[in-house]
Amino acid sequence: MTAEPLTPLPAAAPLGDGAPVLAFDVGGTDTKAALVDAAGRLVQVVRIPTPHAGDATGDAVVAAIAAVAERFRAEHPGVVPQAAGLLVPGHVDDDAGVGIFAENLGWRDFPFRDRAEAALGVPVAFSHDVRGAGEAEHRLGAAAPYRDVVVMAIGTGIAGAIFLDGRLHTGGGLAGEMGHSRVADGPLCACGGIGCLEAVASAAAIARRYNALTGADVPGAREVLALAQSGDEAARAVWDSAVDALALDLSHTVALLAPEAVVIGGGLAQAGPALFEPLAEKLDAILTFHRRPVLLPASIGENAGLIGAALRARDRSAGSAARSVEPSAEVAS
């Protein structure tokens, strides 16, 4: 297990005072964990490999986060968590507390919330990784000024968190899966679809498509962009087609939801103006009478998932505390 140094929040977006909590953000490769104190500081952030154990992966993940919680307890005995937030990828039912399906990690219908509460001994708030990171952006980051906003993460995959009239819309765990809307005639997507946005414009897809076209072995989208900017025509074609696909997909989002803003995070957002400027131009060229959303980079940073998990954990702690005093309040009355 490798410990990371303390990663402070941006000065403009502190967590503030509240219950001490645990936060866990499970990814396909790594799992991040944080201990948050009553002042809202990330006392310690660690990164561990996400266990892969086939059908037993869900249980292995719960055991891994329980071990990290025990480590935090031993190293920081003065910080006593009152709740935990747990985010996982895949199809997630927030209300039921169930990880319905994660293709890359192997679980189906796994009761994460119940198992985590049993292992950690505190109430657990449970959600999808992108929705958790989106909530951090909406409450503390770039999406905060807007009531109707989409927070879109473009990394290995593509997904989004949708806020309508200030409320997160989950659609039974399926809202925001814009990565699996069709934008092209190919290639084949891991979900079984053809021409999904994720298969065309995710960071992983950009590198994969360039390598397939040229026989090269570049590791990621950053290298493809650098090649495109240096005059490599194949790289330019791959990059431009990815931006075209993103603009097309966002035009559908705009037509359906009319967001005031679209906040983009994830690895591809690090391209900065090389992504945002052509994307804005291409989207504007598609739209007619529609509301034109502001396109903004995410601002919380790489720990947005942890911050979102901590926020949800504090909400869960407050809700549990309120429920615990209701019976005595009734007796007193």
C-alpha atoms as a PDB file:
ATOM      1  CA  MET A   1       0.000   0.000   0.000  1.00  0.00           C
ATOM      2  CA  THR A   2       1.531   3.336  -1.062  1.00  0.00           C
ATOM      3  CA  ALA A   3       0.688   6.499   0.850  1.00  0.00           C
ATOM      4  CA  GLU A   4       0.337   9.793  -0.964  1.00  0.00           C
ATOM      5  CA  PRO A   5       1.148  13.148   0.645  1.00  0.00           C
ATOM      6  CA  LEU A   6      -1.633  15.399   1.856  1.00  0.00           C
ATOM      7  CA  THR A   7      -3.459  16.883  -1.115  1.00  0.00           C
ATOM      8  CA  PRO A   8      -5.054  20.189  -0.064  1.00  0.00           C
ATOM      9  CA  LEU A   9      -8.287  21.464  -1.550  1.00  0.00           C
ATOM     10  CA  PRO A  10      -8.292  24.574  -3.727  1.00  0.00           C
ATOM     11  CA  ALA A  11      -8.467  27.650  -1.503  1.00  0.00           C
ATOM     12  CA  ALA A  12     -11.764  28.670  -3.117  1.00  0.00           C
ATOM     13  CA  ALA A  13     -13.437  25.365  -2.350  1.00  0.00           C
ATOM     14  CA  PRO A  14     -12.859  24.189   1.258  1.00  0.00           C
ATOM     15  CA  LEU A  15     -14.961  21.380   2.675  1.00  0.00           C
ATOM     16  CA  GLY A  16     -15.428  23.375   5.849  1.00  0.00           C
ATOM     17  CA  ASP A  17     -16.502  22.221   9.287  1.00  0.00           C
ATOM     18  CA  GLY A  18     -18.508  19.035   9.677  1.00  0.00           C
ATOM     19  CA  ALA A  19     -18.360  15.429  10.789  1.00  0.00           C
ATOM     20  CA  PRO A  20     -15.082  13.529  10.379  1.00  0.00           C
ATOM     21  CA  VAL A  21     -15.576  10.958   7.615  1.00  0.00           C
ATOM     22  CA  LEU A  22     -13.926   8.343   5.444  1.00  0.00           C
ATOM     23  CA  ALA A  23     -13.969   8.689   1.645  1.00  0.00           C
ATOM     24  CA  PHE A  24     -13.299   5.959  -0.925  1.00  0.00           C
ATOM     25  CA  ASP A  25     -13.147   6.297  -4.713  1.00  0.00           C
ATOM     26  CA  VAL A  26     -12.802   2.913  -6.419  1.00  0.00           C
ATOM     27  CA  GLY A  27     -11.357   2.868  -9.939  1.00  0.00           C
ATOM     28  CA  GLY A  28     -10.598   0.116 -12.387  1.00  0.00           C
ATOM     29  CA  THR A  29      -6.884   0.174 -11.565  1.00  0.00           C
ATOM     30  CA  ASP A  30      -6.496   2.073  -8.285  1.00  0.00           C
ATOM     31  CA  THR A  31      -8.634   2.914  -5.281  1.00  0.00           C
ATOM     32  CA  LYS A  32      -8.158   6.243  -3.499  1.00  0.00           C
ATOM     33  CA  ALA A  33      -9.008   6.626   0.168  1.00  0.00           C
ATOM     34  CA  ALA A  34      -9.018   9.671   2.439  1.00  0.00           C
ATOM     35  CA  LEU A  35      -9.562  10.501   6.075  1.00  0.00           C
ATOM     36  CA  VAL A  36     -11.302  13.865   6.474  1.00  0.00           C
ATOM     37  CA  ASP A  37     -11.285  15.639   9.829  1.00  0.00           C
ATOM     38  CA  ALA A  38     -13.858  17.941  11.446  1.00  0.00           C
ATOM     39  CA  ALA A  39     -12.248  20.999   9.813  1.00  0.00           C
ATOM     40  CA  GLY A  40     -12.677  19.510   6.350  1.00  0.00           C
ATOM     41  CA  ARG A  41      -8.986  18.753   5.806  1.00  0.00           C
ATOM     42  CA  LEU A  42      -7.825  15.634   3.991  1.00  0.00           C
ATOM     43  CA  VAL A  43      -5.669  14.398   6.841  1.00  0.00           C
ATOM     44  CA  GLN A  44      -4.300  11.525   4.785  1.00  0.00           C
ATOM     45  CA  VAL A  45      -4.813  10.329   1.214  1.00  0.00           C
ATOM     46  CA  VAL A  46      -3.647   6.907   0.083  1.00  0.00           C
ATOM     47  CA  ARG A  47      -3.813   4.994  -3.172  1.00  0.00           C
ATOM     48  CA  ILE A  48      -3.976   1.191  -3.291  1.00  0.00           C
ATOM     49  CA  PRO A  49      -4.412  -1.250  -6.187  1.00  0.00           C
ATOM     50  CA  THR A  50      -8.055  -2.136  -6.774  1.00  0.00           C
ATOM     51  CA  PRO A  51      -8.355  -5.886  -6.189  1.00  0.00           C
ATOM     52  CA  HIS A  52      -9.536  -8.013  -9.115  1.00  0.00           C
ATOM     53  CA  ALA A  53     -10.998 -11.322  -8.009  1.00  0.00           C
ATOM     54  CA  GLY A  54     -13.634 -12.207 -10.589  1.00  0.00           C
ATOM     55  CA  ASP A  55     -17.021 -12.805  -8.988  1.00  0.00           C
ATOM     56  CA  ALA A  56     -15.463 -12.086  -5.577  1.00  0.00           C
ATOM     57  CA  THR A  57     -14.205  -8.619  -6.512  1.00  0.00           C
ATOM     58  CA  GLY A  58     -16.958  -6.831  -4.586  1.00  0.00           C
ATOM     59  CA  ASP A  59     -16.039  -8.610  -1.363  1.00  0.00           C
ATOM     60  CA  ALA A  60     -12.350  -7.978  -2.035  1.00  0.00           C
ATOM     61  CA  VAL A  61     -12.983  -4.244  -2.507  1.00  0.00           C
ATOM     62  CA  VAL A  62     -14.882  -4.055   0.791  1.00  0.00           C
ATOM     63  CA  ALA A  63     -12.078  -5.918   2.577  1.00  0.00           C
ATOM     64  CA  ALA A  64      -9.502  -3.556   1.066  1.00  0.00           C
ATOM     65  CA  ILE A  65     -11.269  -0.371   2.176  1.00  0.00           C
ATOM     66  CA  ALA A  66     -11.820  -1.846   5.630  1.00  0.00           C
ATOM     67  CA  ALA A  67      -8.074  -2.457   5.893  1.00  0.00           C
ATOM     68  CA  VAL A  68      -7.369   1.163   4.917  1.00  0.00           C
ATOM     69  CA  ALA A  69      -9.903   2.380   7.491  1.00  0.00           C
ATOM     70  CA  GLU A  70      -8.082   0.354  10.130  1.00  0.00           C
ATOM     71  CA  ARG A  71      -4.805   1.930   9.071  1.00  0.00           C
ATOM     72  CA  PHE A  72      -6.284   5.413   9.386  1.00  0.00           C
ATOM     73  CA  ARG A  73      -7.643   4.521  12.820  1.00  0.00           C
ATOM     74  CA  ALA A  74      -4.214   3.390  13.993  1.00  0.00           C
ATOM     75  CA  GLU A  75      -2.317   6.356  12.549  1.00  0.00           C
ATOM     76  CA  HIS A  76      -4.844   9.084  13.446  1.00  0.00           C
ATOM     77  CA  PRO A  77      -6.640   7.969  16.627  1.00  0.00           C
ATOM     78  CA  GLY A  78      -7.880  11.496  17.302  1.00  0.00           C
ATOM     79  CA  VAL A  79      -9.994  11.560  14.127  1.00  0.00           C
ATOM     80  CA  VAL A  80     -13.044   9.323  14.610  1.00  0.00           C
ATOM     81  CA  PRO A  81     -15.122   8.971  11.420  1.00  0.00           C
ATOM     82  CA  GLN A  82     -18.879   9.240  11.797  1.00  0.00           C
ATOM     83  CA  ALA A  83     -19.711   7.966   8.305  1.00  0.00           C
ATOM     84  CA  ALA A  84     -18.100   6.928   5.023  1.00  0.00           C
ATOM     85  CA  GLY A  85     -18.634   7.702   1.345  1.00  0.00           C
ATOM     86  CA  LEU A  86     -17.995   4.978  -1.225  1.00  0.00           C
ATOM     87  CA  LEU A  87     -17.923   5.533  -5.000  1.00  0.00           C
ATOM     88  CA  VAL A  88     -17.571   2.745  -7.565  1.00  0.00           C
ATOM     89  CA  PRO A  89     -17.693   2.577 -11.386  1.00  0.00           C
ATOM     90  CA  GLY A  90     -20.173   0.770 -13.597  1.00  0.00           C
ATOM     91  CA  HIS A  91     -23.958   0.675 -13.401  1.00  0.00           C
ATOM     92  CA  VAL A  92     -24.805   1.795  -9.887  1.00  0.00           C
ATOM     93  CA  ASP A  93     -28.154   2.015  -8.075  1.00  0.00           C
ATOM     94  CA  ASP A  94     -27.516   4.773  -5.533  1.00  0.00           C
ATOM     95  CA  ASP A  95     -30.826   4.330  -3.715  1.00  0.00           C
ATOM     96  CA  ALA A  96     -30.548   0.565  -3.287  1.00  0.00           C
ATOM     97  CA  GLY A  97     -26.840   0.742  -2.466  1.00  0.00           C
ATOM     98  CA  VAL A  98     -26.052  -1.856  -5.118  1.00  0.00           C
ATOM     99  CA  GLY A  99     -23.337  -2.115  -7.741  1.00  0.00           C
ATOM    100  CA  ILE A 100     -25.469  -3.630 -10.485  1.00  0.00           C
ATOM    101  CA  PHE A 101     -22.763  -4.320 -13.043  1.00  0.00           C
ATOM    102  CA  ALA A 102     -19.129  -3.429 -13.707  1.00  0.00           C
ATOM    103  CA  GLU A 103     -17.802  -5.038 -16.868  1.00  0.00           C
ATOM    104  CA  ASN A 104     -14.134  -4.439 -16.092  1.00  0.00           C
ATOM    105  CA  LEU A 105     -14.328  -5.438 -12.437  1.00  0.00           C
ATOM    106  CA  GLY A 106     -16.655  -8.415 -12.529  1.00  0.00           C
ATOM    107  CA  TRP A 107     -19.342  -7.760  -9.952  1.00  0.00           C
ATOM    108  CA  ARG A 108     -23.082  -8.077 -10.506  1.00  0.00           C
ATOM    109  CA  ASP A 109     -25.795  -6.963  -8.077  1.00  0.00           C
ATOM    110  CA  PHE A 110     -23.326  -6.565  -5.235  1.00  0.00           C
ATOM    111  CA  PRO A 111     -24.753  -4.916  -2.066  1.00  0.00           C
ATOM    112  CA  PHE A 112     -21.890  -2.496  -1.503  1.00  0.00           C
ATOM    113  CA  ARG A 113     -23.599  -0.228   1.008  1.00  0.00           C
ATOM    114  CA  ASP A 114     -24.728  -3.024   3.335  1.00  0.00           C
ATOM    115  CA  ARG A 115     -21.405  -4.879   3.150  1.00  0.00           C
ATOM    116  CA  ALA A 116     -19.381  -1.698   3.655  1.00  0.00           C
ATOM    117  CA  GLU A 117     -21.481  -0.629   6.642  1.00  0.00           C
ATOM    118  CA  ALA A 118     -20.926  -4.028   8.227  1.00  0.00           C
ATOM    119  CA  ALA A 119     -17.180  -3.889   7.595  1.00  0.00           C
ATOM    120  CA  LEU A 120     -16.607  -0.250   8.583  1.00  0.00           C
ATOM    121  CA  GLY A 121     -19.088   0.040  11.447  1.00  0.00           C
ATOM    122  CA  VAL A 122     -20.415   3.436  10.295  1.00  0.00           C
ATOM    123  CA  PRO A 123     -23.224   4.591   7.972  1.00  0.00           C
ATOM    124  CA  VAL A 124     -22.142   4.553   4.326  1.00  0.00           C
ATOM    125  CA  ALA A 125     -23.230   6.808   1.452  1.00  0.00           C
ATOM    126  CA  PHE A 126     -22.889   4.989  -1.869  1.00  0.00           C
ATOM    127  CA  SER A 127     -22.838   6.248  -5.460  1.00  0.00           C
ATOM    128  CA  HIS A 128     -21.275   6.156  -8.913  1.00  0.00           C
ATOM    129  CA  ASP A 129     -17.742   7.530  -9.254  1.00  0.00           C
ATOM    130  CA  VAL A 130     -18.606  10.177 -11.856  1.00  0.00           C
ATOM    131  CA  ARG A 131     -21.743  11.291 -10.003  1.00  0.00           C
ATOM    132  CA  GLY A 132     -19.672  11.691  -6.855  1.00  0.00           C
ATOM    133  CA  ALA A 133     -17.015  13.758  -8.618  1.00  0.00           C
ATOM    134  CA  GLY A 134     -19.789  15.739 -10.325  1.00  0.00           C
ATOM    135  CA  GLU A 135     -21.338  16.526  -6.973  1.00  0.00           C
ATOM    136  CA  ALA A 136     -18.023  17.917  -5.755  1.00  0.00           C
ATOM    137  CA  GLU A 137     -17.882  20.186  -8.807  1.00  0.00           C
ATOM    138  CA  HIS A 138     -21.506  21.236  -8.353  1.00  0.00           C
ATOM    139  CA  ARG A 139     -21.226  22.041  -4.669  1.00  0.00           C
ATOM    140  CA  LEU A 140     -17.680  23.389  -4.499  1.00  0.00           C
ATOM    141  CA  GLY A 141     -16.244  23.787  -7.981  1.00  0.00           C
ATOM    142  CA  ALA A 142     -16.783  25.079 -11.492  1.00  0.00           C
ATOM    143  CA  ALA A 143     -20.412  23.931 -11.707  1.00  0.00           C
ATOM    144  CA  ALA A 144     -21.450  25.690  -8.474  1.00  0.00           C
ATOM    145  CA  PRO A 145     -22.947  28.840 -10.085  1.00  0.00           C
ATOM    146  CA  TYR A 146     -25.401  26.830 -12.210  1.00  0.00           C
ATOM    147  CA  ARG A 147     -28.746  25.151 -11.499  1.00  0.00           C
ATOM    148  CA  ASP A 148     -28.878  23.221 -14.792  1.00  0.00           C
ATOM    149  CA  VAL A 149     -25.457  21.793 -15.566  1.00  0.00           C
ATOM    150  CA  VAL A 150     -23.756  18.655 -16.834  1.00  0.00           C
ATOM    151  CA  VAL A 151     -20.413  17.585 -15.382  1.00  0.00           C
ATOM    152  CA  MET A 152     -18.719  15.339 -17.925  1.00  0.00           C
ATOM    153  CA  ALA A 153     -15.670  13.162 -17.243  1.00  0.00           C
ATOM    154  CA  ILE A 154     -13.555  12.107 -20.237  1.00  0.00           C
ATOM    155  CA  GLY A 155     -10.866   9.631 -19.320  1.00  0.00           C
ATOM    156  CA  THR A 156     -10.603   5.909 -19.954  1.00  0.00           C
ATOM    157  CA  GLY A 157     -14.394   6.075 -20.339  1.00  0.00           C
ATOM    158  CA  ILE A 158     -16.932   8.870 -20.699  1.00  0.00           C
ATOM    159  CA  ALA A 159     -19.839   9.595 -18.382  1.00  0.00           C
ATOM    160  CA  GLY A 160     -21.557  12.542 -16.769  1.00  0.00           C
ATOM    161  CA  ALA A 161     -23.437  13.829 -13.772  1.00  0.00           C
ATOM    162  CA  ILE A 162     -26.636  15.705 -14.607  1.00  0.00           C
ATOM    163  CA  PHE A 163     -28.024  18.443 -12.368  1.00  0.00           C
ATOM    164  CA  LEU A 164     -31.500  19.762 -13.129  1.00  0.00           C
ATOM    165  CA  ASP A 165     -32.840  22.684 -11.109  1.00  0.00           C
ATOM    166  CA  GLY A 166     -29.974  22.095  -8.703  1.00  0.00           C
ATOM    167  CA  ARG A 167     -30.753  18.424  -8.110  1.00  0.00           C
ATOM    168  CA  LEU A 168     -28.752  15.404  -9.204  1.00  0.00           C
ATOM    169  CA  HIS A 169     -30.720  13.289 -11.683  1.00  0.00           C
ATOM    170  CA  THR A 170     -29.742   9.605 -11.527  1.00  0.00           C
ATOM    171  CA  GLY A 171     -32.404   7.884 -13.642  1.00  0.00           C
ATOM    172  CA  GLY A 172     -32.189   4.738 -11.554  1.00  0.00           C
ATOM    173  CA  GLY A 173     -28.423   4.750 -11.986  1.00  0.00           C
ATOM    174  CA  LEU A 174     -28.442   5.013 -15.786  1.00  0.00           C
ATOM    175  CA  ALA A 175     -28.584   8.780 -16.368  1.00  0.00           C
ATOM    176  CA  GLY A 176     -25.407  10.359 -17.682  1.00  0.00           C
ATOM    177  CA  GLU A 177     -24.153   7.419 -19.747  1.00  0.00           C
ATOM    178  CA  MET A 178     -23.387   9.672 -22.710  1.00  0.00           C
ATOM    179  CA  GLY A 179     -20.327   7.581 -23.441  1.00  0.00           C
ATOM    180  CA  HIS A 180     -22.645   4.917 -24.791  1.00  0.00           C
ATOM    181  CA  SER A 181     -24.672   7.026 -27.179  1.00  0.00           C
ATOM    182  CA  ARG A 182     -24.002   6.344 -30.845  1.00  0.00           C
ATOM    183  CA  VAL A 183     -22.090   9.037 -32.713  1.00  0.00           C
ATOM    184  CA  ALA A 184     -20.423   7.102 -35.568  1.00  0.00           C
ATOM    185  CA  ASP A 185     -20.563   3.910 -37.633  1.00  0.00           C
ATOM    186  CA  GLY A 186     -17.689   2.366 -35.701  1.00  0.00           C
ATOM    187  CA  PRO A 187     -15.654   1.080 -33.972  1.00  0.00           C
ATOM    188  CA  LEU A 188     -17.131  -1.596 -31.755  1.00  0.00           C
ATOM    189  CA  CYS A 189     -17.541  -0.535 -28.120  1.00  0.00           C
ATOM    190  CA  ALA A 190     -16.878  -2.690 -25.061  1.00  0.00           C
ATOM    191  CA  CYS A 191     -20.587  -2.387 -24.185  1.00  0.00           C
ATOM    192  CA  GLY A 192     -21.475  -4.268 -27.392  1.00  0.00           C
ATOM    193  CA  GLY A 193     -22.622  -1.169 -29.257  1.00  0.00           C
ATOM    194  CA  ILE A 194     -21.147   0.229 -32.448  1.00  0.00           C
ATOM    195  CA  GLY A 195     -19.788   3.761 -32.737  1.00  0.00           C
ATOM    196  CA  CYS A 196     -20.330   4.743 -29.112  1.00  0.00           C
ATOM    197  CA  LEU A 197     -18.819   8.063 -28.051  1.00  0.00           C
ATOM    198  CA  GLU A 198     -16.543   6.231 -25.599  1.00  0.00           C
ATOM    199  CA  ALA A 199     -15.135   4.094 -28.440  1.00  0.00           C
ATOM    200  CA  VAL A 200     -14.345   7.208 -30.495  1.00  0.00           C
ATOM    201  CA  ALA A 201     -13.438  10.039 -28.142  1.00  0.00           C
ATOM    202  CA  SER A 202     -12.301   8.720 -24.768  1.00  0.00           C
ATOM    203  CA  ALA A 203      -8.635   9.206 -23.962  1.00  0.00           C
ATOM    204  CA  ALA A 204      -8.057   5.483 -24.318  1.00  0.00           C
ATOM    205  CA  ALA A 205      -9.935   5.325 -27.627  1.00  0.00           C
ATOM    206  CA  ILE A 206      -7.952   8.183 -29.150  1.00  0.00           C
ATOM    207  CA  ALA A 207      -4.672   6.362 -28.518  1.00  0.00           C
ATOM    208  CA  ARG A 208      -6.120   3.014 -29.575  1.00  0.00           C
ATOM    209  CA  ARG A 209      -7.499   4.401 -32.860  1.00  0.00           C
ATOM    210  CA  TYR A 210      -4.227   6.148 -33.716  1.00  0.00           C
ATOM    211  CA  ASN A 211      -2.226   3.002 -33.047  1.00  0.00           C
ATOM    212  CA  ALA A 212      -4.588   0.914 -35.162  1.00  0.00           C
ATOM    213  CA  LEU A 213      -4.338   3.410 -38.013  1.00  0.00           C
ATOM    214  CA  THR A 214      -0.549   3.772 -38.001  1.00  0.00           C
ATOM    215  CA  GLY A 215       0.850   0.655 -36.366  1.00  0.00           C
ATOM    216  CA  ALA A 216       2.454   2.883 -33.720  1.00  0.00           C
ATOM    217  CA  ASP A 217       2.389   2.236 -29.979  1.00  0.00           C
ATOM    218  CA  VAL A 218       1.675   5.601 -28.352  1.00  0.00           C
ATOM    219  CA  PRO A 219       0.510   5.287 -24.734  1.00  0.00           C
ATOM    220  CA  GLY A 220      -2.230   7.912 -24.569  1.00  0.00           C
ATOM    221  CA  ALA A 221      -4.253  10.778 -26.006  1.00  0.00           C
ATOM    222  CA  ARG A 222      -1.698  13.350 -24.833  1.00  0.00           C
ATOM    223  CA  GLU A 223       0.885  11.885 -27.184  1.00  0.00           C
ATOM    224  CA  VAL A 224      -1.613  11.778 -30.060  1.00  0.00           C
ATOM    225  CA  LEU A 225      -2.381  15.477 -29.540  1.00  0.00           C
ATOM    226  CA  ALA A 226       1.332  16.322 -29.482  1.00  0.00           C
ATOM    227  CA  LEU A 227       1.789  14.455 -32.759  1.00  0.00           C
ATOM    228  CA  ALA A 228      -1.192  16.247 -34.269  1.00  0.00           C
ATOM    229  CA  GLN A 229       0.227  19.618 -33.255  1.00  0.00           C
ATOM    230  CA  SER A 230       3.579  18.689 -34.811  1.00  0.00           C
ATOM    231  CA  GLY A 231       1.940  17.993 -38.185  1.00  0.00           C
ATOM    232  CA  ASP A 232       1.166  14.258 -38.069  1.00  0.00           C
ATOM    233  CA  GLU A 233      -1.852  13.964 -40.387  1.00  0.00           C
ATOM    234  CA  ALA A 234      -3.080  10.666 -38.937  1.00  0.00           C
ATOM    235  CA  ALA A 235      -2.972  12.089 -35.427  1.00  0.00           C
ATOM    236  CA  ARG A 236      -4.786  15.210 -36.589  1.00  0.00           C
ATOM    237  CA  ALA A 237      -7.522  13.116 -38.218  1.00  0.00           C
ATOM    238  CA  VAL A 238      -8.009  11.022 -35.079  1.00  0.00           C
ATOM    239  CA  TRP A 239      -8.060  14.072 -32.800  1.00  0.00           C
ATOM    240  CA  ASP A 240     -10.443  16.037 -35.036  1.00  0.00           C
ATOM    241  CA  SER A 241     -12.852  13.103 -35.331  1.00  0.00           C
ATOM    242  CA  ALA A 242     -12.851  12.725 -31.538  1.00  0.00           C
ATOM    243  CA  VAL A 243     -13.726  16.398 -31.073  1.00  0.00           C
ATOM    244  CA  ASP A 244     -16.411  16.093 -33.789  1.00  0.00           C
ATOM    245  CA  ALA A 245     -17.945  13.163 -31.897  1.00  0.00           C
ATOM    246  CA  LEU A 246     -17.893  15.047 -28.599  1.00  0.00           C
ATOM    247  CA  ALA A 247     -19.578  18.059 -30.205  1.00  0.00           C
ATOM    248  CA  LEU A 248     -22.264  15.855 -31.752  1.00  0.00           C
ATOM    249  CA  ASP A 249     -22.946  14.117 -28.459  1.00  0.00           C
ATOM    250  CA  LEU A 250     -23.076  17.412 -26.559  1.00  0.00           C
ATOM    251  CA  SER A 251     -25.510  18.805 -29.127  1.00  0.00           C
ATOM    252  CA  HIS A 252     -27.901  15.998 -28.190  1.00  0.00           C
ATOM    253  CA  THR A 253     -27.403  16.755 -24.512  1.00  0.00           C
ATOM    254  CA  VAL A 254     -28.081  20.447 -25.133  1.00  0.00           C
ATOM    255  CA  ALA A 255     -31.197  19.762 -27.203  1.00  0.00           C
ATOM    256  CA  LEU A 256     -32.618  17.502 -24.499  1.00  0.00           C
ATOM    257  CA  LEU A 257     -31.571  19.236 -21.262  1.00  0.00           C
ATOM    258  CA  ALA A 258     -30.639  22.840 -22.185  1.00  0.00           C
ATOM    259  CA  PRO A 259     -27.876  23.080 -19.568  1.00  0.00           C
ATOM    260  CA  GLU A 260     -26.468  26.468 -18.683  1.00  0.00           C
ATOM    261  CA  ALA A 261     -22.979  24.977 -18.584  1.00  0.00           C
ATOM    262  CA  VAL A 262     -21.053  21.819 -19.337  1.00  0.00           C
ATOM    263  CA  VAL A 263     -18.088  21.233 -17.028  1.00  0.00           C
ATOM    264  CA  ILE A 264     -15.509  18.834 -18.448  1.00  0.00           C
ATOM    265  CA  GLY A 265     -13.010  16.935 -16.331  1.00  0.00           C
ATOM    266  CA  GLY A 266     -10.907  13.816 -16.637  1.00  0.00           C
ATOM    267  CA  GLY A 267      -7.643  13.275 -18.434  1.00  0.00           C
ATOM    268  CA  LEU A 268      -8.719  14.678 -21.788  1.00  0.00           C
ATOM    269  CA  ALA A 269      -9.667  18.024 -20.225  1.00  0.00           C
ATOM    270  CA  GLN A 270      -5.979  18.557 -19.497  1.00  0.00           C
ATOM    271  CA  ALA A 271      -5.571  19.346 -23.198  1.00  0.00           C
ATOM    272  CA  GLY A 272      -6.945  22.792 -22.325  1.00  0.00           C
ATOM    273  CA  PRO A 273      -7.558  25.148 -25.268  1.00  0.00           C
ATOM    274  CA  ALA A 274      -6.646  22.384 -27.750  1.00  0.00           C
ATOM    275  CA  LEU A 275      -9.861  20.673 -26.663  1.00  0.00           C
ATOM    276  CA  PHE A 276     -12.136  23.471 -25.475  1.00  0.00           C
ATOM    277  CA  GLU A 277     -11.694  25.911 -28.360  1.00  0.00           C
ATOM    278  CA  PRO A 278     -12.456  23.558 -31.277  1.00  0.00           C
ATOM    279  CA  LEU A 279     -15.154  21.814 -29.235  1.00  0.00           C
ATOM    280  CA  ALA A 280     -16.937  25.114 -28.617  1.00  0.00           C
ATOM    281  CA  GLU A 281     -16.665  26.053 -32.302  1.00  0.00           C
ATOM    282  CA  LYS A 282     -17.969  22.702 -33.515  1.00  0.00           C
ATOM    283  CA  LEU A 283     -20.821  22.656 -31.011  1.00  0.00           C
ATOM    284  CA  ASP A 284     -21.828  26.196 -31.938  1.00  0.00           C
ATOM    285  CA  ALA A 285     -21.894  25.190 -35.614  1.00  0.00           C
ATOM    286  CA  ILE A 286     -24.337  22.348 -34.887  1.00  0.00           C
ATOM    287  CA  LEU A 287     -26.739  24.253 -32.637  1.00  0.00           C
ATOM    288  CA  THR A 288     -29.398  26.572 -34.036  1.00  0.00           C
ATOM    289  CA  PHE A 289     -31.976  28.082 -31.656  1.00  0.00           C
ATOM    290  CA  HIS A 290     -30.714  26.129 -28.665  1.00  0.00           C
ATOM    291  CA  ARG A 291     -29.241  27.526 -25.475  1.00  0.00           C
ATOM    292  CA  ARG A 292     -25.480  27.592 -25.866  1.00  0.00           C
ATOM    293  CA  PRO A 293     -23.893  26.291 -22.692  1.00  0.00           C
ATOM    294  CA  VAL A 294     -20.670  27.659 -21.269  1.00  0.00           C
ATOM    295  CA  LEU A 295     -17.923  25.040 -21.617  1.00  0.00           C
ATOM    296  CA  LEU A 296     -15.702  25.004 -18.543  1.00  0.00           C
ATOM    297  CA  PRO A 297     -12.832  22.872 -17.236  1.00  0.00           C
ATOM    298  CA  ALA A 298     -13.429  21.107 -13.948  1.00  0.00           C
ATOM    299  CA  SER A 299     -11.732  22.852 -11.024  1.00  0.00           C
ATOM    300  CA  ILE A 300     -11.593  20.471  -8.045  1.00  0.00           C
ATOM    301  CA  GLY A 301      -8.774  18.365  -9.462  1.00  0.00           C
ATOM    302  CA  GLU A 302      -7.777  14.738  -9.284  1.00  0.00           C
ATOM    303  CA  ASN A 303      -9.347  14.206  -5.866  1.00  0.00           C
ATOM    304  CA  ALA A 304     -12.836  15.297  -6.949  1.00  0.00           C
ATOM    305  CA  GLY A 305     -14.173  11.787  -6.376  1.00  0.00           C
ATOM    306  CA  LEU A 306     -12.834  11.742  -2.831  1.00  0.00           C
ATOM    307  CA  ILE A 307     -14.315  15.172  -2.138  1.00  0.00           C
ATOM    308  CA  GLY A 308     -17.679  14.054  -3.500  1.00  0.00           C
ATOM    309  CA  ALA A 309     -17.547  10.896  -1.395  1.00  0.00           C
ATOM    310  CA  ALA A 310     -16.724  12.961   1.699  1.00  0.00           C
ATOM    311  CA  LEU A 311     -19.602  15.361   1.027  1.00  0.00           C
ATOM    312  CA  ARG A 312     -22.020  12.461   0.686  1.00  0.00           C
ATOM    313  CA  ALA A 313     -20.638  10.859   3.840  1.00  0.00           C
ATOM    314  CA  ARG A 314     -21.249  14.074   5.777  1.00  0.00           C
ATOM    315  CA  ASP A 315     -24.799  14.207   4.433  1.00  0.00           C
ATOM    316  CA  ARG A 316     -25.281  10.599   5.529  1.00  0.00           C
ATOM    317  CA  SER A 317     -23.896  11.343   8.978  1.00  0.00           C
ATOM    318  CA  ALA A 318     -26.198  14.339   9.380  1.00  0.00           C
ATOM    319  CA  GLY A 319     -29.185  12.287   8.243  1.00  0.00           C
ATOM    320  CA  SER A 320     -28.368   9.468  10.645  1.00  0.00           C
ATOM    321  CA  ALA A 321     -27.971  11.925  13.512  1.00  0.00           C
ATOM    322  CA  ALA A 322     -31.310  13.535  12.723  1.00  0.00           C
ATOM    323  CA  ARG A 323     -33.068  10.155  12.632  1.00  0.00           C
ATOM    324  CA  SER A 324     -31.469   9.128  15.915  1.00  0.00           C
ATOM    325  CA  VAL A 325     -32.943  12.112  17.793  1.00  0.00           C
ATOM    326  CA  GLU A 326     -36.458  11.915  16.332  1.00  0.00           C
ATOM    327  CA  PRO A 327     -37.864   9.312  18.767  1.00  0.00           C
ATOM    328  CA  SER A 328     -36.672  11.189  21.865  1.00  0.00           C
ATOM    329  CA  ALA A 329     -38.031  14.413  20.426  1.00  0.00           C
ATOM    330  CA  GLU A 330     -41.452  12.782  20.066  1.00  0.00           C
ATOM    331  CA  VAL A 331     -41.341  11.510  23.650  1.00  0.00           C
ATOM    332  CA  ALA A 332     -40.376  14.969  24.900  1.00  0.00           C
ATOM    333  CA  SER A 333     -43.355  16.471  23.132  1.00  0.00           C
END
